[in-house]
PDB file of all heavy atoms in Angstrom:
ATOM      1  N   CYS A   1      -0.230  10.777   3.718  1.00  0.00           N
ATOM      2  CA  CYS A   1      -0.033   9.395   3.272  1.00  0.00           C
ATOM      3  C   CYS A   1      -0.854   8.430   4.112  1.00  0.00           C
ATOM      4  O   CYS A   1      -0.814   8.475   5.347  1.00  0.00           O
ATOM      5  CB  CYS A   1       1.444   9.016   3.352  1.00  0.00           C
ATOM      6  SG  CYS A   1       1.801   7.356   2.738  1.00  0.00           S
ATOM      7  N   GLU A   2      -1.577   7.563   3.434  1.00  0.00           N
ATOM      8  CA  GLU A   2      -2.352   6.503   4.086  1.00  0.00           C
ATOM      9  C   GLU A   2      -1.855   5.155   3.578  1.00  0.00           C
ATOM     10  O   GLU A   2      -1.595   4.980   2.391  1.00  0.00           O
ATOM     11  CB  GLU A   2      -3.832   6.678   3.740  1.00  0.00           C
ATOM     12  CG  GLU A   2      -4.743   5.577   4.273  1.00  0.00           C
ATOM     13  CD  GLU A   2      -6.169   5.775   3.779  1.00  0.00           C
ATOM     14  OE1 GLU A   2      -6.720   6.860   4.035  1.00  0.00           O
ATOM     15  OE2 GLU A   2      -6.724   4.864   3.123  1.00  0.00           O
ATOM     16  N   ILE A   3      -1.709   4.224   4.502  1.00  0.00           N
ATOM     17  CA  ILE A   3      -1.258   2.862   4.185  1.00  0.00           C
ATOM     18  C   ILE A   3      -2.347   1.887   4.612  1.00  0.00           C
ATOM     19  O   ILE A   3      -2.960   2.062   5.663  1.00  0.00           O
ATOM     20  CB  ILE A   3       0.042   2.509   4.943  1.00  0.00           C
ATOM     21  CG1 ILE A   3       1.140   3.554   4.694  1.00  0.00           C
ATOM     22  CG2 ILE A   3       0.509   1.103   4.597  1.00  0.00           C
ATOM     23  CD1 ILE A   3       1.683   3.583   3.291  1.00  0.00           C
ATOM     24  N   GLN A   4      -2.569   0.841   3.820  1.00  0.00           N
ATOM     25  CA  GLN A   4      -3.414  -0.257   4.277  1.00  0.00           C
ATOM     26  C   GLN A   4      -2.736  -1.594   4.039  1.00  0.00           C
ATOM     27  O   GLN A   4      -2.149  -1.825   2.974  1.00  0.00           O
ATOM     28  CB  GLN A   4      -4.775  -0.288   3.582  1.00  0.00           C
ATOM     29  CG  GLN A   4      -5.735  -1.278   4.266  1.00  0.00           C
ATOM     30  CD  GLN A   4      -6.846  -1.788   3.364  1.00  0.00           C
ATOM     31  OE1 GLN A   4      -6.619  -2.130   2.216  1.00  0.00           O
ATOM     32  NE2 GLN A   4      -8.057  -1.823   3.894  1.00  0.00           N
ATOM     33  N   PHE A   5      -2.779  -2.444   5.056  1.00  0.00           N
ATOM     34  CA  PHE A   5      -2.402  -3.851   4.967  1.00  0.00           C
ATOM     35  C   PHE A   5      -3.669  -4.700   5.114  1.00  0.00           C
ATOM     36  O   PHE A   5      -4.645  -4.273   5.746  1.00  0.00           O
ATOM     37  CB  PHE A   5      -1.524  -4.266   6.157  1.00  0.00           C
ATOM     38  CG  PHE A   5      -0.092  -3.873   6.119  1.00  0.00           C
ATOM     39  CD1 PHE A   5       0.338  -2.701   6.720  1.00  0.00           C
ATOM     40  CD2 PHE A   5       0.850  -4.702   5.545  1.00  0.00           C
ATOM     41  CE1 PHE A   5       1.676  -2.358   6.743  1.00  0.00           C
ATOM     42  CE2 PHE A   5       2.198  -4.376   5.565  1.00  0.00           C
ATOM     43  CZ  PHE A   5       2.614  -3.195   6.160  1.00  0.00           C
ATOM     44  N   SER A   6      -3.629  -5.928   4.608  1.00  0.00           N
ATOM     45  CA  SER A   6      -4.578  -6.961   5.042  1.00  0.00           C
ATOM     46  C   SER A   6      -3.843  -8.297   5.071  1.00  0.00           C
ATOM     47  O   SER A   6      -2.851  -8.489   4.364  1.00  0.00           O
ATOM     48  CB  SER A   6      -5.800  -7.032   4.126  1.00  0.00           C
ATOM     49  OG  SER A   6      -5.451  -7.504   2.832  1.00  0.00           O
ATOM     50  N   TYR A   7      -4.326  -9.198   5.927  1.00  0.00           N
ATOM     51  CA  TYR A   7      -3.664 -10.489   6.120  1.00  0.00           C
ATOM     52  C   TYR A   7      -4.691 -11.605   6.258  1.00  0.00           C
ATOM     53  O   TYR A   7      -5.864 -11.367   6.601  1.00  0.00           O
ATOM     54  CB  TYR A   7      -2.811 -10.471   7.402  1.00  0.00           C
ATOM     55  CG  TYR A   7      -1.571  -9.635   7.332  1.00  0.00           C
ATOM     56  CD1 TYR A   7      -1.604  -8.296   7.716  1.00  0.00           C
ATOM     57  CD2 TYR A   7      -0.363 -10.169   6.899  1.00  0.00           C
ATOM     58  CE1 TYR A   7      -0.460  -7.508   7.659  1.00  0.00           C
ATOM     59  CE2 TYR A   7       0.781  -9.397   6.845  1.00  0.00           C
ATOM     60  CZ  TYR A   7       0.727  -8.067   7.223  1.00  0.00           C
ATOM     61  OH  TYR A   7       1.860  -7.292   7.160  1.00  0.00           O
ATOM     62  N   SER A   8      -4.214 -12.820   6.048  1.00  0.00           N
ATOM     63  CA  SER A   8      -4.956 -14.033   6.378  1.00  0.00           C
ATOM     64  C   SER A   8      -4.240 -14.732   7.526  1.00  0.00           C
ATOM     65  O   SER A   8      -3.005 -14.726   7.586  1.00  0.00           O
ATOM     66  CB  SER A   8      -5.009 -14.977   5.171  1.00  0.00           C
ATOM     67  OG  SER A   8      -5.438 -16.275   5.570  1.00  0.00           O
ATOM     68  N   ILE A   9      -4.988 -15.322   8.418  1.00  0.00           N
ATOM     69  CA  ILE A   9      -4.370 -16.058   9.515  1.00  0.00           C
ATOM     70  C   ILE A   9      -3.479 -17.178   8.975  1.00  0.00           C
ATOM     71  O   ILE A   9      -3.828 -17.878   8.025  1.00  0.00           O
ATOM     72  CB  ILE A   9      -5.438 -16.635  10.483  1.00  0.00           C
ATOM     73  CG1 ILE A   9      -4.772 -17.207  11.744  1.00  0.00           C
ATOM     74  CG2 ILE A   9      -6.318 -17.667   9.792  1.00  0.00           C
ATOM     75  CD1 ILE A   9      -5.746 -17.552  12.847  1.00  0.00           C
ATOM     76  N   GLY A  10      -2.293 -17.295   9.545  1.00  0.00           N
ATOM     77  CA  GLY A  10      -1.373 -18.365   9.191  1.00  0.00           C
ATOM     78  C   GLY A  10      -0.524 -18.121   7.956  1.00  0.00           C
ATOM     79  O   GLY A  10       0.339 -18.925   7.631  1.00  0.00           O
ATOM     80  N   VAL A  11      -0.750 -16.992   7.264  1.00  0.00           N
ATOM     81  CA  VAL A  11      -0.040 -16.697   6.019  1.00  0.00           C
ATOM     82  C   VAL A  11       0.834 -15.459   6.227  1.00  0.00           C
ATOM     83  O   VAL A  11       0.371 -14.446   6.762  1.00  0.00           O
ATOM     84  CB  VAL A  11      -1.029 -16.463   4.859  1.00  0.00           C
ATOM     85  CG1 VAL A  11      -0.287 -16.161   3.563  1.00  0.00           C
ATOM     86  CG2 VAL A  11      -1.940 -17.681   4.687  1.00  0.00           C
ATOM     87  N   ALA A  12       2.085 -15.529   5.799  1.00  0.00           N
ATOM     88  CA  ALA A  12       3.037 -14.439   6.043  1.00  0.00           C
ATOM     89  C   ALA A  12       2.829 -13.260   5.093  1.00  0.00           C
ATOM     90  O   ALA A  12       2.896 -12.095   5.509  1.00  0.00           O
ATOM     91  CB  ALA A  12       4.465 -14.959   5.925  1.00  0.00           C
ATOM     92  N   GLU A  13       2.604 -13.542   3.837  1.00  0.00           N
ATOM     93  CA  GLU A  13       2.499 -12.475   2.837  1.00  0.00           C
ATOM     94  C   GLU A  13       1.175 -11.728   3.006  1.00  0.00           C
ATOM     95  O   GLU A  13       0.118 -12.342   3.151  1.00  0.00           O
ATOM     96  CB  GLU A  13       2.567 -13.080   1.428  1.00  0.00           C
ATOM     97  CG  GLU A  13       2.855 -12.089   0.328  1.00  0.00           C
ATOM     98  CD  GLU A  13       4.303 -11.619   0.315  1.00  0.00           C
ATOM     99  OE1 GLU A  13       5.215 -12.454   0.478  1.00  0.00           O
ATOM    100  OE2 GLU A  13       4.503 -10.411   0.149  1.00  0.00           O
ATOM    101  N   PRO A  14       1.207 -10.388   3.013  1.00  0.00           N
ATOM    102  CA  PRO A  14      -0.057  -9.649   3.090  1.00  0.00           C
ATOM    103  C   PRO A  14      -0.974 -10.011   1.921  1.00  0.00           C
ATOM    104  O   PRO A  14      -0.499 -10.261   0.805  1.00  0.00           O
ATOM    105  CB  PRO A  14       0.371  -8.184   2.998  1.00  0.00           C
ATOM    106  CG  PRO A  14       1.810  -8.167   3.375  1.00  0.00           C
ATOM    107  CD  PRO A  14       2.375  -9.486   2.945  1.00  0.00           C
ATOM    108  N   THR A  15      -2.266 -10.060   2.168  1.00  0.00           N
ATOM    109  CA  THR A  15      -3.212 -10.318   1.081  1.00  0.00           C
ATOM    110  C   THR A  15      -3.450  -9.062   0.245  1.00  0.00           C
ATOM    111  O   THR A  15      -3.929  -9.151  -0.886  1.00  0.00           O
ATOM    112  CB  THR A  15      -4.549 -10.839   1.626  1.00  0.00           C
ATOM    113  OG1 THR A  15      -5.030  -9.946   2.646  1.00  0.00           O
ATOM    114  CG2 THR A  15      -4.379 -12.223   2.235  1.00  0.00           C
ATOM    115  N   SER A  16      -3.124  -7.895   0.800  1.00  0.00           N
ATOM    116  CA  SER A  16      -3.147  -6.647   0.024  1.00  0.00           C
ATOM    117  C   SER A  16      -2.304  -5.604   0.735  1.00  0.00           C
ATOM    118  O   SER A  16      -2.052  -5.693   1.936  1.00  0.00           O
ATOM    119  CB  SER A  16      -4.579  -6.120  -0.163  1.00  0.00           C
ATOM    120  OG  SER A  16      -5.129  -5.693   1.073  1.00  0.00           O
ATOM    121  N   PHE A  17      -1.880  -4.610  -0.035  1.00  0.00           N
ATOM    122  CA  PHE A  17      -1.080  -3.509   0.503  1.00  0.00           C
ATOM    123  C   PHE A  17      -1.189  -2.337  -0.459  1.00  0.00           C
ATOM    124  O   PHE A  17      -1.098  -2.516  -1.670  1.00  0.00           O
ATOM    125  CB  PHE A  17       0.391  -3.914   0.643  1.00  0.00           C
ATOM    126  CG  PHE A  17       1.303  -2.783   1.044  1.00  0.00           C
ATOM    127  CD1 PHE A  17       1.379  -2.366   2.358  1.00  0.00           C
ATOM    128  CD2 PHE A  17       2.073  -2.123   0.093  1.00  0.00           C
ATOM    129  CE1 PHE A  17       2.218  -1.319   2.728  1.00  0.00           C
ATOM    130  CE2 PHE A  17       2.911  -1.082   0.456  1.00  0.00           C
ATOM    131  CZ  PHE A  17       2.977  -0.679   1.783  1.00  0.00           C
ATOM    132  N   TYR A  18      -1.434  -1.147   0.067  1.00  0.00           N
ATOM    133  CA  TYR A  18      -1.435   0.027  -0.812  1.00  0.00           C
ATOM    134  C   TYR A  18      -0.907   1.260  -0.109  1.00  0.00           C
ATOM    135  O   TYR A  18      -0.916   1.358   1.123  1.00  0.00           O
ATOM    136  CB  TYR A  18      -2.814   0.300  -1.410  1.00  0.00           C
ATOM    137  CG  TYR A  18      -3.855   0.940  -0.498  1.00  0.00           C
ATOM    138  CD1 TYR A  18      -3.702   2.211   0.044  1.00  0.00           C
ATOM    139  CD2 TYR A  18      -5.055   0.284  -0.234  1.00  0.00           C
ATOM    140  CE1 TYR A  18      -4.669   2.802   0.839  1.00  0.00           C
ATOM    141  CE2 TYR A  18      -6.038   0.861   0.564  1.00  0.00           C
ATOM    142  CZ  TYR A  18      -5.829   2.126   1.097  1.00  0.00           C
ATOM    143  OH  TYR A  18      -6.796   2.705   1.880  1.00  0.00           O
ATOM    144  N   VAL A  19      -0.457   2.215  -0.901  1.00  0.00           N
ATOM    145  CA  VAL A  19      -0.078   3.555  -0.456  1.00  0.00           C
ATOM    146  C   VAL A  19      -1.009   4.543  -1.163  1.00  0.00           C
ATOM    147  O   VAL A  19      -1.187   4.471  -2.378  1.00  0.00           O
ATOM    148  CB  VAL A  19       1.384   3.884  -0.805  1.00  0.00           C
ATOM    149  CG1 VAL A  19       1.723   5.315  -0.389  1.00  0.00           C
ATOM    150  CG2 VAL A  19       2.329   2.892  -0.146  1.00  0.00           C
ATOM    151  N   LYS A  20      -1.602   5.460  -0.391  1.00  0.00           N
ATOM    152  CA  LYS A  20      -2.523   6.452  -0.937  1.00  0.00           C
ATOM    153  C   LYS A  20      -2.114   7.827  -0.434  1.00  0.00           C
ATOM    154  O   LYS A  20      -1.921   8.016   0.773  1.00  0.00           O
ATOM    155  CB  LYS A  20      -3.947   6.123  -0.483  1.00  0.00           C
ATOM    156  CG  LYS A  20      -5.042   7.046  -0.993  1.00  0.00           C
ATOM    157  CD  LYS A  20      -6.393   6.540  -0.471  1.00  0.00           C
ATOM    158  CE  LYS A  20      -7.537   7.436  -0.873  1.00  0.00           C
ATOM    159  NZ  LYS A  20      -8.834   6.930  -0.336  1.00  0.00           N
ATOM    160  N   THR A  21      -1.954   8.795  -1.347  1.00  0.00           N
ATOM    161  CA  THR A  21      -1.429  10.105  -0.953  1.00  0.00           C
ATOM    162  C   THR A  21      -2.391  11.260  -1.221  1.00  0.00           C
ATOM    163  O   THR A  21      -2.019  12.415  -1.076  1.00  0.00           O
ATOM    164  CB  THR A  21      -0.105  10.395  -1.665  1.00  0.00           C
ATOM    165  OG1 THR A  21      -0.335  10.444  -3.080  1.00  0.00           O
ATOM    166  CG2 THR A  21       0.934   9.327  -1.345  1.00  0.00           C
ATOM    167  N   TYR A  22      -3.612  10.983  -1.590  1.00  0.00           N
ATOM    168  CA  TYR A  22      -4.630  12.020  -1.783  1.00  0.00           C
ATOM    169  C   TYR A  22      -4.170  13.113  -2.756  1.00  0.00           C
ATOM    170  O   TYR A  22      -4.474  14.301  -2.568  1.00  0.00           O
ATOM    171  CB  TYR A  22      -5.025  12.645  -0.440  1.00  0.00           C
ATOM    172  CG  TYR A  22      -5.635  11.662   0.524  1.00  0.00           C
ATOM    173  CD1 TYR A  22      -4.837  10.917   1.396  1.00  0.00           C
ATOM    174  CD2 TYR A  22      -7.009  11.456   0.568  1.00  0.00           C
ATOM    175  CE1 TYR A  22      -5.395   9.999   2.284  1.00  0.00           C
ATOM    176  CE2 TYR A  22      -7.578  10.547   1.454  1.00  0.00           C
ATOM    177  CZ  TYR A  22      -6.769   9.830   2.296  1.00  0.00           C
ATOM    178  OH  TYR A  22      -7.325   8.929   3.166  1.00  0.00           O
ATOM    179  N   GLY A  23      -3.406  12.712  -3.769  1.00  0.00           N
ATOM    180  CA  GLY A  23      -2.953  13.679  -4.768  1.00  0.00           C
ATOM    181  C   GLY A  23      -1.787  14.539  -4.338  1.00  0.00           C
ATOM    182  O   GLY A  23      -1.404  15.475  -5.044  1.00  0.00           O
ATOM    183  N   THR A  24      -1.170  14.231  -3.184  1.00  0.00           N
ATOM    184  CA  THR A  24      -0.057  15.052  -2.685  1.00  0.00           C
ATOM    185  C   THR A  24       1.301  14.434  -2.978  1.00  0.00           C
ATOM    186  O   THR A  24       2.334  15.013  -2.627  1.00  0.00           O
ATOM    187  CB  THR A  24      -0.168  15.267  -1.160  1.00  0.00           C
ATOM    188  OG1 THR A  24       0.092  14.025  -0.485  1.00  0.00           O
ATOM    189  CG2 THR A  24      -1.554  15.780  -0.768  1.00  0.00           C
ATOM    190  N   GLY A  25       1.347  13.263  -3.603  1.00  0.00           N
ATOM    191  CA  GLY A  25       2.608  12.556  -3.818  1.00  0.00           C
ATOM    192  C   GLY A  25       3.438  13.132  -4.947  1.00  0.00           C
ATOM    193  O   GLY A  25       2.912  13.762  -5.880  1.00  0.00           O
ATOM    194  N   THR A  26       4.742  12.911  -4.869  1.00  0.00           N
ATOM    195  CA  THR A  26       5.654  13.340  -5.933  1.00  0.00           C
ATOM    196  C   THR A  26       5.697  12.326  -7.072  1.00  0.00           C
ATOM    197  O   THR A  26       6.335  12.571  -8.096  1.00  0.00           O
ATOM    198  CB  THR A  26       7.077  13.530  -5.379  1.00  0.00           C
ATOM    199  OG1 THR A  26       7.532  12.277  -4.844  1.00  0.00           O
ATOM    200  CG2 THR A  26       7.096  14.595  -4.293  1.00  0.00           C
ATOM    201  N   MET A  27       5.042  11.187  -6.880  1.00  0.00           N
ATOM    202  CA  MET A  27       4.886  10.180  -7.931  1.00  0.00           C
ATOM    203  C   MET A  27       3.518   9.550  -7.746  1.00  0.00           C
ATOM    204  O   MET A  27       2.814   9.849  -6.766  1.00  0.00           O
ATOM    205  CB  MET A  27       6.009   9.131  -7.852  1.00  0.00           C
ATOM    206  CG  MET A  27       6.029   8.334  -6.566  1.00  0.00           C
ATOM    207  SD  MET A  27       7.410   7.152  -6.464  1.00  0.00           S
ATOM    208  CE  MET A  27       8.770   8.263  -6.129  1.00  0.00           C
ATOM    209  N   SER A  28       3.111   8.699  -8.633  1.00  0.00           N
ATOM    210  CA  SER A  28       1.791   8.084  -8.536  1.00  0.00           C
ATOM    211  C   SER A  28       1.712   7.168  -7.319  1.00  0.00           C
ATOM    212  O   SER A  28       2.728   6.661  -6.836  1.00  0.00           O
ATOM    213  CB  SER A  28       1.480   7.282  -9.801  1.00  0.00           C
ATOM    214  OG  SER A  28       2.294   6.111  -9.861  1.00  0.00           O
ATOM    215  N   ASP A  29       0.494   6.964  -6.825  1.00  0.00           N
ATOM    216  CA  ASP A  29       0.301   6.054  -5.699  1.00  0.00           C
ATOM    217  C   ASP A  29       0.756   4.640  -6.052  1.00  0.00           C
ATOM    218  O   ASP A  29       1.282   3.914  -5.198  1.00  0.00           O
ATOM    219  CB  ASP A  29      -1.169   6.042  -5.277  1.00  0.00           C
ATOM    220  CG  ASP A  29      -1.603   7.327  -4.595  1.00  0.00           C
ATOM    221  OD1 ASP A  29      -0.727   8.170  -4.290  1.00  0.00           O
ATOM    222  OD2 ASP A  29      -2.812   7.490  -4.357  1.00  0.00           O
ATOM    223  N   GLU A  30       0.572   4.253  -7.289  1.00  0.00           N
ATOM    224  CA  GLU A  30       1.001   2.922  -7.723  1.00  0.00           C
ATOM    225  C   GLU A  30       2.512   2.770  -7.601  1.00  0.00           C
ATOM    226  O   GLU A  30       3.014   1.757  -7.094  1.00  0.00           O
ATOM    227  CB  GLU A  30       0.567   2.684  -9.173  1.00  0.00           C
ATOM    228  CG  GLU A  30       0.889   1.288  -9.687  1.00  0.00           C
ATOM    229  CD  GLU A  30       0.411   1.059 -11.107  1.00  0.00           C
ATOM    230  OE1 GLU A  30      -0.215   1.970 -11.681  1.00  0.00           O
ATOM    231  OE2 GLU A  30       0.668  -0.037 -11.643  1.00  0.00           O
ATOM    232  N   LYS A  31       3.249   3.804  -8.019  1.00  0.00           N
ATOM    233  CA  LYS A  31       4.714   3.736  -7.920  1.00  0.00           C
ATOM    234  C   LYS A  31       5.176   3.812  -6.470  1.00  0.00           C
ATOM    235  O   LYS A  31       6.148   3.149  -6.082  1.00  0.00           O
ATOM    236  CB  LYS A  31       5.343   4.856  -8.752  1.00  0.00           C
ATOM    237  CG  LYS A  31       5.243   4.635 -10.253  1.00  0.00           C
ATOM    238  CD  LYS A  31       5.969   5.720 -11.024  1.00  0.00           C
ATOM    239  CE  LYS A  31       5.927   5.447 -12.528  1.00  0.00           C
ATOM    240  NZ  LYS A  31       6.626   6.507 -13.295  1.00  0.00           N
ATOM    241  N   LEU A  32       4.488   4.609  -5.660  1.00  0.00           N
ATOM    242  CA  LEU A  32       4.844   4.687  -4.241  1.00  0.00           C
ATOM    243  C   LEU A  32       4.571   3.363  -3.534  1.00  0.00           C
ATOM    244  O   LEU A  32       5.322   2.958  -2.643  1.00  0.00           O
ATOM    245  CB  LEU A  32       4.064   5.815  -3.556  1.00  0.00           C
ATOM    246  CG  LEU A  32       4.772   7.158  -3.424  1.00  0.00           C
ATOM    247  CD1 LEU A  32       3.839   8.197  -2.815  1.00  0.00           C
ATOM    248  CD2 LEU A  32       6.043   7.038  -2.580  1.00  0.00           C
ATOM    249  N   THR A  33       3.509   2.691  -3.937  1.00  0.00           N
ATOM    250  CA  THR A  33       3.214   1.374  -3.373  1.00  0.00           C
ATOM    251  C   THR A  33       4.341   0.397  -3.693  1.00  0.00           C
ATOM    252  O   THR A  33       4.830  -0.334  -2.813  1.00  0.00           O
ATOM    253  CB  THR A  33       1.876   0.839  -3.923  1.00  0.00           C
ATOM    254  OG1 THR A  33       0.816   1.731  -3.544  1.00  0.00           O
ATOM    255  CG2 THR A  33       1.574  -0.553  -3.374  1.00  0.00           C
ATOM    256  N   GLU A  34       4.789   0.390  -4.941  1.00  0.00           N
ATOM    257  CA  GLU A  34       5.896  -0.482  -5.347  1.00  0.00           C
ATOM    258  C   GLU A  34       7.183  -0.113  -4.610  1.00  0.00           C
ATOM    259  O   GLU A  34       7.948  -0.994  -4.197  1.00  0.00           O
ATOM    260  CB  GLU A  34       6.102  -0.383  -6.857  1.00  0.00           C
ATOM    261  CG  GLU A  34       4.948  -0.962  -7.668  1.00  0.00           C
ATOM    262  CD  GLU A  34       5.073  -0.669  -9.153  1.00  0.00           C
ATOM    263  OE1 GLU A  34       6.019   0.061  -9.540  1.00  0.00           O
ATOM    264  OE2 GLU A  34       4.234  -1.159  -9.931  1.00  0.00           O
ATOM    265  N   LEU A  35       7.412   1.191  -4.437  1.00  0.00           N
ATOM    266  CA  LEU A  35       8.597   1.647  -3.717  1.00  0.00           C
ATOM    267  C   LEU A  35       8.579   1.156  -2.269  1.00  0.00           C
ATOM    268  O   LEU A  35       9.572   0.612  -1.766  1.00  0.00           O
ATOM    269  CB  LEU A  35       8.665   3.177  -3.758  1.00  0.00           C
ATOM    270  CG  LEU A  35       9.772   3.848  -2.930  1.00  0.00           C
ATOM    271  CD1 LEU A  35      11.146   3.450  -3.450  1.00  0.00           C
ATOM    272  CD2 LEU A  35       9.607   5.368  -2.944  1.00  0.00           C
TER     273      LEU A  35
END
């Protein structure tokens, strides 16, 4: 499992976030990201 965040200075909410499992996940990466 690989995770990425990104942020902007002064802003609380991440500007991006993802979960990537290289095809090893029990569900899609999109669903794991939402989870």
